[in-house]
Protein backbone atom coordinates (compact mmCIF):
# COMPACT_ATOMS: atom_id res chain seq x y z
CA UNK A 1 0.00 0.00 0.00
CA UNK A 2 1.31 3.45 -0.82
CA UNK A 3 1.76 6.31 1.61
CA UNK A 4 -0.17 8.64 -0.69
CA UNK A 5 -3.49 9.19 1.03
CA UNK A 6 -6.10 11.89 0.56
CA UNK A 7 -8.51 12.48 3.43
CA UNK A 8 -11.95 13.79 2.51
CA UNK A 9 -14.51 14.34 5.28
CA UNK A 10 -12.41 12.14 7.56
CA UNK A 11 -12.37 9.25 5.09
CA UNK A 12 -8.92 8.18 3.87
CA UNK A 13 -8.75 7.59 0.12
CA UNK A 14 -5.56 5.71 -0.84
CA UNK A 15 -4.52 7.98 -3.71
CA UNK A 16 -3.57 11.52 -4.56
CA UNK A 17 -4.23 11.12 -8.29
CA UNK A 18 -6.80 13.70 -9.48
CA UNK A 19 -8.15 11.19 -12.01
CA UNK A 20 -8.67 8.49 -9.36
CA UNK A 21 -10.22 10.97 -6.91
CA UNK A 22 -12.55 12.23 -9.65
CA UNK A 23 -13.64 8.66 -10.38
CA UNK A 24 -14.29 8.09 -6.66
CA UNK A 25 -16.33 11.32 -6.57
CA UNK A 26 -18.43 10.26 -9.56
CA UNK A 27 -18.86 6.80 -8.00
CA UNK A 28 -20.10 8.28 -4.72
CA UNK A 29 -22.48 10.73 -6.43
CA UNK A 30 -23.93 7.96 -8.60
CA UNK A 31 -24.35 5.80 -5.51
CA UNK A 32 -26.24 8.56 -3.72
CA UNK A 33 -28.40 9.20 -6.79
CA UNK A 34 -29.25 5.52 -7.15
CA UNK A 35 -30.15 5.27 -3.46
CA UNK A 36 -32.49 8.28 -3.59
CA UNK A 37 -34.02 7.28 -6.92
CA UNK A 38 -34.52 3.70 -5.74
CA UNK A 39 -36.28 4.88 -2.58
CA UNK A 40 -38.57 7.23 -4.50
CA UNK A 41 -39.40 4.52 -7.06
CA UNK A 42 -39.98 1.96 -4.33
CA UNK A 43 -42.31 4.23 -2.36
CA UNK A 44 -44.29 5.44 -5.39
CA UNK A 45 -47.37 3.79 -6.81
CA UNK A 46 -46.49 1.46 -9.67
CA UNK A 47 -47.27 2.64 -13.15
CA UNK A 48 -46.31 5.43 -15.49
CA UNK A 49 -45.07 8.61 -13.97
CA UNK A 50 -42.99 8.92 -10.84
CA UNK A 51 -42.41 5.18 -10.31
CA UNK A 52 -41.15 4.45 -13.81
CA UNK A 53 -39.21 7.74 -14.13
CA UNK A 54 -37.29 7.19 -10.91
CA UNK A 55 -36.91 3.51 -11.74
CA UNK A 56 -35.14 4.51 -14.94
CA UNK A 57 -32.91 6.96 -13.02
CA UNK A 58 -32.17 4.19 -10.53
CA UNK A 59 -31.23 1.74 -13.28
CA UNK A 60 -28.85 4.10 -15.08
CA UNK A 61 -27.25 5.52 -11.95
CA UNK A 62 -26.69 2.00 -10.60
CA UNK A 63 -25.23 1.05 -13.97
CA UNK A 64 -22.82 3.97 -13.53
CA UNK A 65 -21.90 2.70 -10.07
CA UNK A 66 -21.27 -0.70 -11.64
CA UNK A 67 -18.94 0.73 -14.29
CA UNK A 68 -17.02 3.02 -11.91
CA UNK A 69 -16.64 0.19 -9.38
CA UNK A 70 -15.07 -2.00 -12.05
CA UNK A 71 -12.74 0.81 -13.09
CA UNK A 72 -11.70 1.66 -9.54
CA UNK A 73 -11.03 -1.97 -8.65
CA UNK A 74 -8.97 -2.52 -11.82
CA UNK A 75 -6.82 0.56 -11.18
CA UNK A 76 -5.89 -0.72 -7.72
CA UNK A 77 -6.03 -4.44 -8.59
CA UNK A 78 -3.57 -5.69 -5.96
CA UNK A 79 -5.55 -4.10 -3.14
CA UNK A 80 -9.09 -4.33 -4.53
CA UNK A 81 -9.39 -7.53 -6.57
CA UNK A 82 -11.87 -8.85 -3.97
CA UNK A 83 -14.15 -5.90 -4.69
CA UNK A 84 -14.04 -6.73 -8.40
CA UNK A 85 -15.66 -10.07 -7.57
CA UNK A 86 -18.44 -8.30 -5.62
CA UNK A 87 -19.28 -5.79 -8.36
CA UNK A 88 -21.59 -8.09 -10.38
CA UNK A 89 -23.40 -9.04 -7.18
CA UNK A 90 -24.20 -5.39 -6.46
CA UNK A 91 -26.13 -4.87 -9.67
CA UNK A 92 -29.63 -6.40 -9.70
CA UNK A 93 -29.83 -9.47 -11.93
CA UNK A 94 -32.75 -8.13 -13.95
CA UNK A 95 -30.83 -4.92 -14.61
CA UNK A 96 -27.76 -6.81 -15.82
CA UNK A 97 -29.96 -8.74 -18.26
CA UNK A 98 -31.39 -5.48 -19.68
CA UNK A 99 -27.95 -4.05 -20.62
PDB file of N, CA and C in Angstrom:
ATOM      1  N   UNK A   1       0.845  -1.178   0.000  1.00  0.00           N
ATOM      2  CA  UNK A   1       0.000   0.000   0.000  1.00  0.00           C
ATOM      3  C   UNK A   1       0.885   1.232   0.000  1.00  0.00           C
ATOM      4  N   UNK A   2       0.500   2.252  -0.738  1.00  0.00           N
ATOM      5  CA  UNK A   2       1.309   3.449  -0.823  1.00  0.00           C
ATOM      6  C   UNK A   2       1.032   4.378   0.354  1.00  0.00           C
ATOM      7  N   UNK A   3       1.938   5.327   0.544  1.00  0.00           N
ATOM      8  CA  UNK A   3       1.759   6.313   1.610  1.00  0.00           C
ATOM      9  C   UNK A   3       0.933   7.500   1.134  1.00  0.00           C
ATOM     10  N   UNK A   4       0.604   7.543  -0.140  1.00  0.00           N
ATOM     11  CA  UNK A   4      -0.169   8.644  -0.690  1.00  0.00           C
ATOM     12  C   UNK A   4      -1.638   8.456  -0.343  1.00  0.00           C
ATOM     13  N   UNK A   5      -2.103   9.293   0.572  1.00  0.00           N
ATOM     14  CA  UNK A   5      -3.485   9.190   1.033  1.00  0.00           C
ATOM     15  C   UNK A   5      -4.104  10.579   1.003  1.00  0.00           C
ATOM     16  N   UNK A   6      -5.324  10.663   0.521  1.00  0.00           N
ATOM     17  CA  UNK A   6      -6.102  11.888   0.561  1.00  0.00           C
ATOM     18  C   UNK A   6      -7.230  11.664   1.549  1.00  0.00           C
ATOM     19  N   UNK A   7      -7.436  12.606   2.447  1.00  0.00           N
ATOM     20  CA  UNK A   7      -8.511  12.479   3.434  1.00  0.00           C
ATOM     21  C   UNK A   7      -9.599  13.487   3.080  1.00  0.00           C
ATOM     22  N   UNK A   8     -10.791  12.962   2.838  1.00  0.00           N
ATOM     23  CA  UNK A   8     -11.952  13.787   2.512  1.00  0.00           C
ATOM     24  C   UNK A   8     -13.044  13.471   3.521  1.00  0.00           C
ATOM     25  N   UNK A   9     -13.470  14.481   4.248  1.00  0.00           N
ATOM     26  CA  UNK A   9     -14.511  14.340   5.279  1.00  0.00           C
ATOM     27  C   UNK A   9     -14.151  13.237   6.278  1.00  0.00           C
ATOM     28  N   UNK A  10     -12.865  13.126   6.596  1.00  0.00           N
ATOM     29  CA  UNK A  10     -12.415  12.137   7.564  1.00  0.00           C
ATOM     30  C   UNK A  10     -12.257  10.733   7.009  1.00  0.00           C
ATOM     31  N   UNK A  11     -12.479  10.571   5.721  1.00  0.00           N
ATOM     32  CA  UNK A  11     -12.374   9.250   5.093  1.00  0.00           C
ATOM     33  C   UNK A  11     -11.078   9.194   4.293  1.00  0.00           C
ATOM     34  N   UNK A  12     -10.177   8.273   4.632  1.00  0.00           N
ATOM     35  CA  UNK A  12      -8.925   8.177   3.868  1.00  0.00           C
ATOM     36  C   UNK A  12      -9.151   7.499   2.516  1.00  0.00           C
ATOM     37  N   UNK A  13      -8.678   8.151   1.466  1.00  0.00           N
ATOM     38  CA  UNK A  13      -8.747   7.588   0.115  1.00  0.00           C
ATOM     39  C   UNK A  13      -7.308   7.338  -0.310  1.00  0.00           C
ATOM     40  N   UNK A  14      -6.970   6.091  -0.625  1.00  0.00           N
ATOM     41  CA  UNK A  14      -5.564   5.713  -0.841  1.00  0.00           C
ATOM     42  C   UNK A  14      -4.972   6.158  -2.172  1.00  0.00           C
ATOM     43  N   UNK A  15      -5.094   7.449  -2.475  1.00  0.00           N
ATOM     44  CA  UNK A  15      -4.520   7.977  -3.709  1.00  0.00           C
ATOM     45  C   UNK A  15      -4.495   9.489  -3.641  1.00  0.00           C
ATOM     46  N   UNK A  16      -3.580  10.078  -4.389  1.00  0.00           N
ATOM     47  CA  UNK A  16      -3.569  11.524  -4.561  1.00  0.00           C
ATOM     48  C   UNK A  16      -3.783  11.889  -6.029  1.00  0.00           C
ATOM     49  N   UNK A  17      -4.013  10.904  -6.860  1.00  0.00           N
ATOM     50  CA  UNK A  17      -4.231  11.123  -8.287  1.00  0.00           C
ATOM     51  C   UNK A  17      -5.567  11.841  -8.517  1.00  0.00           C
ATOM     52  N   UNK A  18      -5.544  12.998  -9.196  1.00  0.00           N
ATOM     53  CA  UNK A  18      -6.799  13.705  -9.479  1.00  0.00           C
ATOM     54  C   UNK A  18      -7.781  12.858 -10.290  1.00  0.00           C
ATOM     55  N   UNK A  19      -7.269  12.042 -11.202  1.00  0.00           N
ATOM     56  CA  UNK A  19      -8.145  11.190 -12.008  1.00  0.00           C
ATOM     57  C   UNK A  19      -8.845  10.142 -11.138  1.00  0.00           C
ATOM     58  N   UNK A  20      -8.089   9.486 -10.252  1.00  0.00           N
ATOM     59  CA  UNK A  20      -8.667   8.486  -9.358  1.00  0.00           C
ATOM     60  C   UNK A  20      -9.677   9.130  -8.414  1.00  0.00           C
ATOM     61  N   UNK A  21      -9.313  10.282  -7.842  1.00  0.00           N
ATOM     62  CA  UNK A  21     -10.216  10.971  -6.913  1.00  0.00           C
ATOM     63  C   UNK A  21     -11.484  11.440  -7.624  1.00  0.00           C
ATOM     64  N   UNK A  22     -11.363  11.852  -8.879  1.00  0.00           N
ATOM     65  CA  UNK A  22     -12.547  12.227  -9.654  1.00  0.00           C
ATOM     66  C   UNK A  22     -13.453  11.025  -9.873  1.00  0.00           C
ATOM     67  N   UNK A  23     -12.853   9.879 -10.185  1.00  0.00           N
ATOM     68  CA  UNK A  23     -13.639   8.656 -10.384  1.00  0.00           C
ATOM     69  C   UNK A  23     -14.344   8.250  -9.091  1.00  0.00           C
ATOM     70  N   UNK A  24     -13.655   8.401  -7.953  1.00  0.00           N
ATOM     71  CA  UNK A  24     -14.287   8.095  -6.663  1.00  0.00           C
ATOM     72  C   UNK A  24     -15.457   9.053  -6.417  1.00  0.00           C
ATOM     73  N   UNK A  25     -15.257  10.336  -6.741  1.00  0.00           N
ATOM     74  CA  UNK A  25     -16.329  11.317  -6.569  1.00  0.00           C
ATOM     75  C   UNK A  25     -17.545  10.992  -7.416  1.00  0.00           C
ATOM     76  N   UNK A  26     -17.328  10.640  -8.669  1.00  0.00           N
ATOM     77  CA  UNK A  26     -18.433  10.256  -9.561  1.00  0.00           C
ATOM     78  C   UNK A  26     -19.118   9.002  -9.019  1.00  0.00           C
ATOM     79  N   UNK A  27     -18.329   8.041  -8.558  1.00  0.00           N
ATOM     80  CA  UNK A  27     -18.862   6.796  -8.005  1.00  0.00           C
ATOM     81  C   UNK A  27     -19.773   7.077  -6.807  1.00  0.00           C
ATOM     82  N   UNK A  28     -19.316   7.950  -5.914  1.00  0.00           N
ATOM     83  CA  UNK A  28     -20.104   8.283  -4.720  1.00  0.00           C
ATOM     84  C   UNK A  28     -21.388   9.016  -5.103  1.00  0.00           C
ATOM     85  N   UNK A  29     -21.281   9.984  -6.014  1.00  0.00           N
ATOM     86  CA  UNK A  29     -22.478  10.727  -6.432  1.00  0.00           C
ATOM     87  C   UNK A  29     -23.488   9.819  -7.120  1.00  0.00           C
ATOM     88  N   UNK A  30     -23.014   8.911  -7.963  1.00  0.00           N
ATOM     89  CA  UNK A  30     -23.929   7.963  -8.601  1.00  0.00           C
ATOM     90  C   UNK A  30     -24.572   7.035  -7.572  1.00  0.00           C
ATOM     91  N   UNK A  31     -23.798   6.640  -6.563  1.00  0.00           N
ATOM     92  CA  UNK A  31     -24.352   5.797  -5.505  1.00  0.00           C
ATOM     93  C   UNK A  31     -25.445   6.505  -4.724  1.00  0.00           C
ATOM     94  N   UNK A  32     -25.212   7.775  -4.423  1.00  0.00           N
ATOM     95  CA  UNK A  32     -26.242   8.556  -3.719  1.00  0.00           C
ATOM     96  C   UNK A  32     -27.476   8.741  -4.591  1.00  0.00           C
ATOM     97  N   UNK A  33     -27.269   9.028  -5.869  1.00  0.00           N
ATOM     98  CA  UNK A  33     -28.396   9.199  -6.794  1.00  0.00           C
ATOM     99  C   UNK A  33     -29.202   7.911  -6.927  1.00  0.00           C
ATOM    100  N   UNK A  34     -28.520   6.783  -7.010  1.00  0.00           N
ATOM    101  CA  UNK A  34     -29.254   5.516  -7.151  1.00  0.00           C
ATOM    102  C   UNK A  34     -30.014   5.180  -5.873  1.00  0.00           C
ATOM    103  N   UNK A  35     -29.452   5.527  -4.731  1.00  0.00           N
ATOM    104  CA  UNK A  35     -30.146   5.272  -3.464  1.00  0.00           C
ATOM    105  C   UNK A  35     -31.424   6.097  -3.367  1.00  0.00           C
ATOM    106  N   UNK A  36     -31.318   7.397  -3.664  1.00  0.00           N
ATOM    107  CA  UNK A  36     -32.494   8.276  -3.587  1.00  0.00           C
ATOM    108  C   UNK A  36     -33.531   7.873  -4.629  1.00  0.00           C
ATOM    109  N   UNK A  37     -33.080   7.654  -5.861  1.00  0.00           N
ATOM    110  CA  UNK A  37     -34.021   7.277  -6.923  1.00  0.00           C
ATOM    111  C   UNK A  37     -34.695   5.942  -6.618  1.00  0.00           C
ATOM    112  N   UNK A  38     -33.942   4.998  -6.088  1.00  0.00           N
ATOM    113  CA  UNK A  38     -34.521   3.703  -5.735  1.00  0.00           C
ATOM    114  C   UNK A  38     -35.571   3.828  -4.647  1.00  0.00           C
ATOM    115  N   UNK A  39     -35.294   4.666  -3.647  1.00  0.00           N
ATOM    116  CA  UNK A  39     -36.282   4.879  -2.576  1.00  0.00           C
ATOM    117  C   UNK A  39     -37.553   5.531  -3.103  1.00  0.00           C
ATOM    118  N   UNK A  40     -37.396   6.554  -3.951  1.00  0.00           N
ATOM    119  CA  UNK A  40     -38.572   7.227  -4.502  1.00  0.00           C
ATOM    120  C   UNK A  40     -39.373   6.256  -5.366  1.00  0.00           C
ATOM    121  N   UNK A  41     -38.696   5.488  -6.207  1.00  0.00           N
ATOM    122  CA  UNK A  41     -39.402   4.522  -7.057  1.00  0.00           C
ATOM    123  C   UNK A  41     -40.106   3.465  -6.206  1.00  0.00           C
ATOM    124  N   UNK A  42     -39.427   3.010  -5.175  1.00  0.00           N
ATOM    125  CA  UNK A  42     -39.983   1.959  -4.331  1.00  0.00           C
ATOM    126  C   UNK A  42     -41.220   2.439  -3.563  1.00  0.00           C
ATOM    127  N   UNK A  43     -41.205   3.705  -3.167  1.00  0.00           N
ATOM    128  CA  UNK A  43     -42.310   4.227  -2.356  1.00  0.00           C
ATOM    129  C   UNK A  43     -43.423   4.850  -3.186  1.00  0.00           C
ATOM    130  N   UNK A  44     -43.265   4.878  -4.502  1.00  0.00           N
ATOM    131  CA  UNK A  44     -44.289   5.440  -5.387  1.00  0.00           C
ATOM    132  C   UNK A  44     -45.223   4.336  -5.880  1.00  0.00           C
ATOM    133  N   UNK A  45     -46.440   4.745  -6.240  1.00  0.00           N
ATOM    134  CA  UNK A  45     -47.375   3.787  -6.807  1.00  0.00           C
ATOM    135  C   UNK A  45     -46.842   3.308  -8.149  1.00  0.00           C
ATOM    136  N   UNK A  46     -46.977   2.014  -8.411  1.00  0.00           N
ATOM    137  CA  UNK A  46     -46.492   1.462  -9.672  1.00  0.00           C
ATOM    138  C   UNK A  46     -47.293   2.029 -10.832  1.00  0.00           C
ATOM    139  N   UNK A  47     -46.621   2.137 -11.947  1.00  0.00           N
ATOM    140  CA  UNK A  47     -47.270   2.635 -13.150  1.00  0.00           C
ATOM    141  C   UNK A  47     -46.440   3.745 -13.769  1.00  0.00           C
ATOM    142  N   UNK A  48     -47.011   4.334 -14.822  1.00  0.00           N
ATOM    143  CA  UNK A  48     -46.315   5.434 -15.495  1.00  0.00           C
ATOM    144  C   UNK A  48     -46.243   6.632 -14.557  1.00  0.00           C
ATOM    145  N   UNK A  49     -45.217   7.420 -14.790  1.00  0.00           N
ATOM    146  CA  UNK A  49     -45.067   8.614 -13.967  1.00  0.00           C
ATOM    147  C   UNK A  49     -43.873   8.478 -13.043  1.00  0.00           C
ATOM    148  N   UNK A  50     -44.089   8.868 -11.811  1.00  0.00           N
ATOM    149  CA  UNK A  50     -42.991   8.924 -10.844  1.00  0.00           C
ATOM    150  C   UNK A  50     -42.284   7.583 -10.669  1.00  0.00           C
ATOM    151  N   UNK A  51     -43.012   6.489 -10.529  1.00  0.00           N
ATOM    152  CA  UNK A  51     -42.410   5.175 -10.306  1.00  0.00           C
ATOM    153  C   UNK A  51     -41.485   4.784 -11.456  1.00  0.00           C
ATOM    154  N   UNK A  52     -41.972   4.878 -12.674  1.00  0.00           N
ATOM    155  CA  UNK A  52     -41.147   4.451 -13.812  1.00  0.00           C
ATOM    156  C   UNK A  52     -40.025   5.450 -14.106  1.00  0.00           C
ATOM    157  N   UNK A  53     -40.265   6.745 -13.903  1.00  0.00           N
ATOM    158  CA  UNK A  53     -39.212   7.739 -14.131  1.00  0.00           C
ATOM    159  C   UNK A  53     -38.047   7.533 -13.160  1.00  0.00           C
ATOM    160  N   UNK A  54     -38.360   7.386 -11.890  1.00  0.00           N
ATOM    161  CA  UNK A  54     -37.295   7.194 -10.906  1.00  0.00           C
ATOM    162  C   UNK A  54     -36.688   5.791 -11.000  1.00  0.00           C
ATOM    163  N   UNK A  55     -37.471   4.831 -11.485  1.00  0.00           N
ATOM    164  CA  UNK A  55     -36.910   3.506 -11.739  1.00  0.00           C
ATOM    165  C   UNK A  55     -35.862   3.547 -12.838  1.00  0.00           C
ATOM    166  N   UNK A  56     -36.112   4.350 -13.858  1.00  0.00           N
ATOM    167  CA  UNK A  56     -35.138   4.514 -14.940  1.00  0.00           C
ATOM    168  C   UNK A  56     -33.882   5.218 -14.425  1.00  0.00           C
ATOM    169  N   UNK A  57     -34.062   6.259 -13.622  1.00  0.00           N
ATOM    170  CA  UNK A  57     -32.913   6.956 -13.024  1.00  0.00           C
ATOM    171  C   UNK A  57     -32.124   5.991 -12.148  1.00  0.00           C
ATOM    172  N   UNK A  58     -32.826   5.185 -11.376  1.00  0.00           N
ATOM    173  CA  UNK A  58     -32.167   4.191 -10.526  1.00  0.00           C
ATOM    174  C   UNK A  58     -31.334   3.228 -11.364  1.00  0.00           C
ATOM    175  N   UNK A  59     -31.932   2.706 -12.422  1.00  0.00           N
ATOM    176  CA  UNK A  59     -31.234   1.740 -13.280  1.00  0.00           C
ATOM    177  C   UNK A  59     -29.947   2.326 -13.845  1.00  0.00           C
ATOM    178  N   UNK A  60     -30.024   3.521 -14.428  1.00  0.00           N
ATOM    179  CA  UNK A  60     -28.852   4.095 -15.079  1.00  0.00           C
ATOM    180  C   UNK A  60     -27.811   4.577 -14.078  1.00  0.00           C
ATOM    181  N   UNK A  61     -28.246   5.104 -12.939  1.00  0.00           N
ATOM    182  CA  UNK A  61     -27.249   5.518 -11.948  1.00  0.00           C
ATOM    183  C   UNK A  61     -26.568   4.295 -11.326  1.00  0.00           C
ATOM    184  N   UNK A  62     -27.306   3.222 -11.116  1.00  0.00           N
ATOM    185  CA  UNK A  62     -26.688   2.004 -10.596  1.00  0.00           C
ATOM    186  C   UNK A  62     -25.774   1.376 -11.649  1.00  0.00           C
ATOM    187  N   UNK A  63     -26.125   1.523 -12.913  1.00  0.00           N
ATOM    188  CA  UNK A  63     -25.228   1.055 -13.972  1.00  0.00           C
ATOM    189  C   UNK A  63     -23.922   1.848 -13.950  1.00  0.00           C
ATOM    190  N   UNK A  64     -24.012   3.148 -13.668  1.00  0.00           N
ATOM    191  CA  UNK A  64     -22.817   3.973 -13.532  1.00  0.00           C
ATOM    192  C   UNK A  64     -21.970   3.555 -12.346  1.00  0.00           C
ATOM    193  N   UNK A  65     -22.619   3.213 -11.243  1.00  0.00           N
ATOM    194  CA  UNK A  65     -21.899   2.705 -10.067  1.00  0.00           C
ATOM    195  C   UNK A  65     -21.177   1.414 -10.442  1.00  0.00           C
ATOM    196  N   UNK A  66     -21.836   0.566 -11.178  1.00  0.00           N
ATOM    197  CA  UNK A  66     -21.273  -0.699 -11.644  1.00  0.00           C
ATOM    198  C   UNK A  66     -19.999  -0.459 -12.461  1.00  0.00           C
ATOM    199  N   UNK A  67     -20.078   0.453 -13.417  1.00  0.00           N
ATOM    200  CA  UNK A  67     -18.936   0.734 -14.295  1.00  0.00           C
ATOM    201  C   UNK A  67     -17.790   1.372 -13.517  1.00  0.00           C
ATOM    202  N   UNK A  68     -18.090   2.363 -12.671  1.00  0.00           N
ATOM    203  CA  UNK A  68     -17.024   3.019 -11.912  1.00  0.00           C
ATOM    204  C   UNK A  68     -16.405   2.065 -10.898  1.00  0.00           C
ATOM    205  N   UNK A  69     -17.193   1.168 -10.330  1.00  0.00           N
ATOM    206  CA  UNK A  69     -16.640   0.193  -9.381  1.00  0.00           C
ATOM    207  C   UNK A  69     -15.660  -0.743 -10.085  1.00  0.00           C
ATOM    208  N   UNK A  70     -15.997  -1.158 -11.284  1.00  0.00           N
ATOM    209  CA  UNK A  70     -15.075  -2.000 -12.051  1.00  0.00           C
ATOM    210  C   UNK A  70     -13.782  -1.232 -12.326  1.00  0.00           C
ATOM    211  N   UNK A  71     -13.922   0.005 -12.796  1.00  0.00           N
ATOM    212  CA  UNK A  71     -12.741   0.815 -13.093  1.00  0.00           C
ATOM    213  C   UNK A  71     -11.867   1.054 -11.876  1.00  0.00           C
ATOM    214  N   UNK A  72     -12.472   1.396 -10.754  1.00  0.00           N
ATOM    215  CA  UNK A  72     -11.704   1.658  -9.538  1.00  0.00           C
ATOM    216  C   UNK A  72     -11.009   0.401  -9.032  1.00  0.00           C
ATOM    217  N   UNK A  73     -11.666  -0.739  -9.130  1.00  0.00           N
ATOM    218  CA  UNK A  73     -11.029  -1.969  -8.655  1.00  0.00           C
ATOM    219  C   UNK A  73      -9.902  -2.421  -9.582  1.00  0.00           C
ATOM    220  N   UNK A  74     -10.033  -2.150 -10.882  1.00  0.00           N
ATOM    221  CA  UNK A  74      -8.972  -2.525 -11.824  1.00  0.00           C
ATOM    222  C   UNK A  74      -7.737  -1.650 -11.616  1.00  0.00           C
ATOM    223  N   UNK A  75      -7.943  -0.362 -11.370  1.00  0.00           N
ATOM    224  CA  UNK A  75      -6.821   0.557 -11.183  1.00  0.00           C
ATOM    225  C   UNK A  75      -5.975   0.161  -9.974  1.00  0.00           C
ATOM    226  N   UNK A  76      -6.609  -0.307  -8.926  1.00  0.00           N
ATOM    227  CA  UNK A  76      -5.887  -0.723  -7.721  1.00  0.00           C
ATOM    228  C   UNK A  76      -6.064  -2.236  -7.531  1.00  0.00           C
ATOM    229  N   UNK A  77      -5.763  -2.997  -8.562  1.00  0.00           N
ATOM    230  CA  UNK A  77      -6.034  -4.435  -8.589  1.00  0.00           C
ATOM    231  C   UNK A  77      -5.465  -5.183  -7.388  1.00  0.00           C
ATOM    232  N   UNK A  78      -4.215  -4.938  -7.040  1.00  0.00           N
ATOM    233  CA  UNK A  78      -3.569  -5.692  -5.958  1.00  0.00           C
ATOM    234  C   UNK A  78      -4.315  -5.533  -4.635  1.00  0.00           C
ATOM    235  N   UNK A  79      -4.853  -4.346  -4.395  1.00  0.00           N
ATOM    236  CA  UNK A  79      -5.555  -4.099  -3.138  1.00  0.00           C
ATOM    237  C   UNK A  79      -7.050  -4.417  -3.222  1.00  0.00           C
ATOM    238  N   UNK A  80      -7.630  -4.298  -4.414  1.00  0.00           N
ATOM    239  CA  UNK A  80      -9.094  -4.332  -4.531  1.00  0.00           C
ATOM    240  C   UNK A  80      -9.655  -5.444  -5.399  1.00  0.00           C
ATOM    241  N   UNK A  81      -8.860  -6.473  -5.694  1.00  0.00           N
ATOM    242  CA  UNK A  81      -9.387  -7.531  -6.570  1.00  0.00           C
ATOM    243  C   UNK A  81     -10.613  -8.204  -5.955  1.00  0.00           C
ATOM    244  N   UNK A  82     -10.695  -8.246  -4.630  1.00  0.00           N
ATOM    245  CA  UNK A  82     -11.873  -8.851  -3.973  1.00  0.00           C
ATOM    246  C   UNK A  82     -13.142  -8.057  -4.273  1.00  0.00           C
ATOM    247  N   UNK A  83     -12.992  -6.733  -4.373  1.00  0.00           N
ATOM    248  CA  UNK A  83     -14.147  -5.899  -4.687  1.00  0.00           C
ATOM    249  C   UNK A  83     -14.620  -6.135  -6.113  1.00  0.00           C
ATOM    250  N   UNK A  84     -13.691  -6.437  -7.015  1.00  0.00           N
ATOM    251  CA  UNK A  84     -14.042  -6.727  -8.396  1.00  0.00           C
ATOM    252  C   UNK A  84     -14.998  -7.918  -8.466  1.00  0.00           C
ATOM    253  N   UNK A  85     -14.791  -8.889  -7.605  1.00  0.00           N
ATOM    254  CA  UNK A  85     -15.658 -10.070  -7.568  1.00  0.00           C
ATOM    255  C   UNK A  85     -17.053  -9.701  -7.072  1.00  0.00           C
ATOM    256  N   UNK A  86     -17.144  -8.700  -6.176  1.00  0.00           N
ATOM    257  CA  UNK A  86     -18.436  -8.302  -5.620  1.00  0.00           C
ATOM    258  C   UNK A  86     -19.250  -7.396  -6.543  1.00  0.00           C
ATOM    259  N   UNK A  87     -18.594  -6.754  -7.501  1.00  0.00           N
ATOM    260  CA  UNK A  87     -19.280  -5.790  -8.363  1.00  0.00           C
ATOM    261  C   UNK A  87     -20.495  -6.394  -9.065  1.00  0.00           C
ATOM    262  N   UNK A  88     -20.394  -7.545  -9.721  1.00  0.00           N
ATOM    263  CA  UNK A  88     -21.586  -8.088 -10.380  1.00  0.00           C
ATOM    264  C   UNK A  88     -22.712  -8.425  -9.401  1.00  0.00           C
ATOM    265  N   UNK A  89     -22.377  -8.716  -8.173  1.00  0.00           N
ATOM    266  CA  UNK A  89     -23.400  -9.037  -7.183  1.00  0.00           C
ATOM    267  C   UNK A  89     -24.157  -7.791  -6.719  1.00  0.00           C
ATOM    268  N   UNK A  90     -23.560  -6.614  -6.916  1.00  0.00           N
ATOM    269  CA  UNK A  90     -24.200  -5.386  -6.457  1.00  0.00           C
ATOM    270  C   UNK A  90     -25.245  -4.877  -7.434  1.00  0.00           C
ATOM    271  N   UNK A  91     -25.202  -5.338  -8.650  1.00  0.00           N
ATOM    272  CA  UNK A  91     -26.135  -4.870  -9.668  1.00  0.00           C
ATOM    273  C   UNK A  91     -27.267  -5.884  -9.768  1.00  0.00           C
ATOM    274  N   UNK A  92     -28.514  -5.442  -9.657  1.00  0.00           N
ATOM    275  CA  UNK A  92     -29.634  -6.395  -9.701  1.00  0.00           C
ATOM    276  C   UNK A  92     -29.600  -7.253 -10.966  1.00  0.00           C
ATOM    277  N   UNK A  93     -29.906  -8.523 -10.807  1.00  0.00           N
ATOM    278  CA  UNK A  93     -29.830  -9.466 -11.933  1.00  0.00           C
ATOM    279  C   UNK A  93     -30.699  -9.036 -13.097  1.00  0.00           C
ATOM    280  N   UNK A  94     -31.889  -8.533 -12.834  1.00  0.00           N
ATOM    281  CA  UNK A  94     -32.753  -8.135 -13.945  1.00  0.00           C
ATOM    282  C   UNK A  94     -32.191  -6.930 -14.659  1.00  0.00           C
ATOM    283  N   UNK A  95     -31.447  -6.076 -13.956  1.00  0.00           N
ATOM    284  CA  UNK A  95     -30.835  -4.915 -14.607  1.00  0.00           C
ATOM    285  C   UNK A  95     -29.677  -5.360 -15.490  1.00  0.00           C
ATOM    286  N   UNK A  96     -28.892  -6.317 -15.038  1.00  0.00           N
ATOM    287  CA  UNK A  96     -27.762  -6.811 -15.819  1.00  0.00           C
ATOM    288  C   UNK A  96     -28.277  -7.427 -17.113  1.00  0.00           C
ATOM    289  N   UNK A  97     -29.406  -8.104 -17.065  1.00  0.00           N
ATOM    290  CA  UNK A  97     -29.958  -8.735 -18.258  1.00  0.00           C
ATOM    291  C   UNK A  97     -30.470  -7.701 -19.263  1.00  0.00           C
ATOM    292  N   UNK A  98     -30.851  -6.506 -18.801  1.00  0.00           N
ATOM    293  CA  UNK A  98     -31.386  -5.478 -19.684  1.00  0.00           C
ATOM    294  C   UNK A  98     -30.296  -4.750 -20.441  1.00  0.00           C
ATOM    295  N   UNK A  99     -29.036  -4.802 -19.969  1.00  0.00           N
ATOM    296  CA  UNK A  99     -27.950  -4.048 -20.621  1.00  0.00           C
ATOM    297  C   UNK A  99     -27.566  -4.704 -21.922  1.00  0.00           C
TER     298      UNK A  99
END
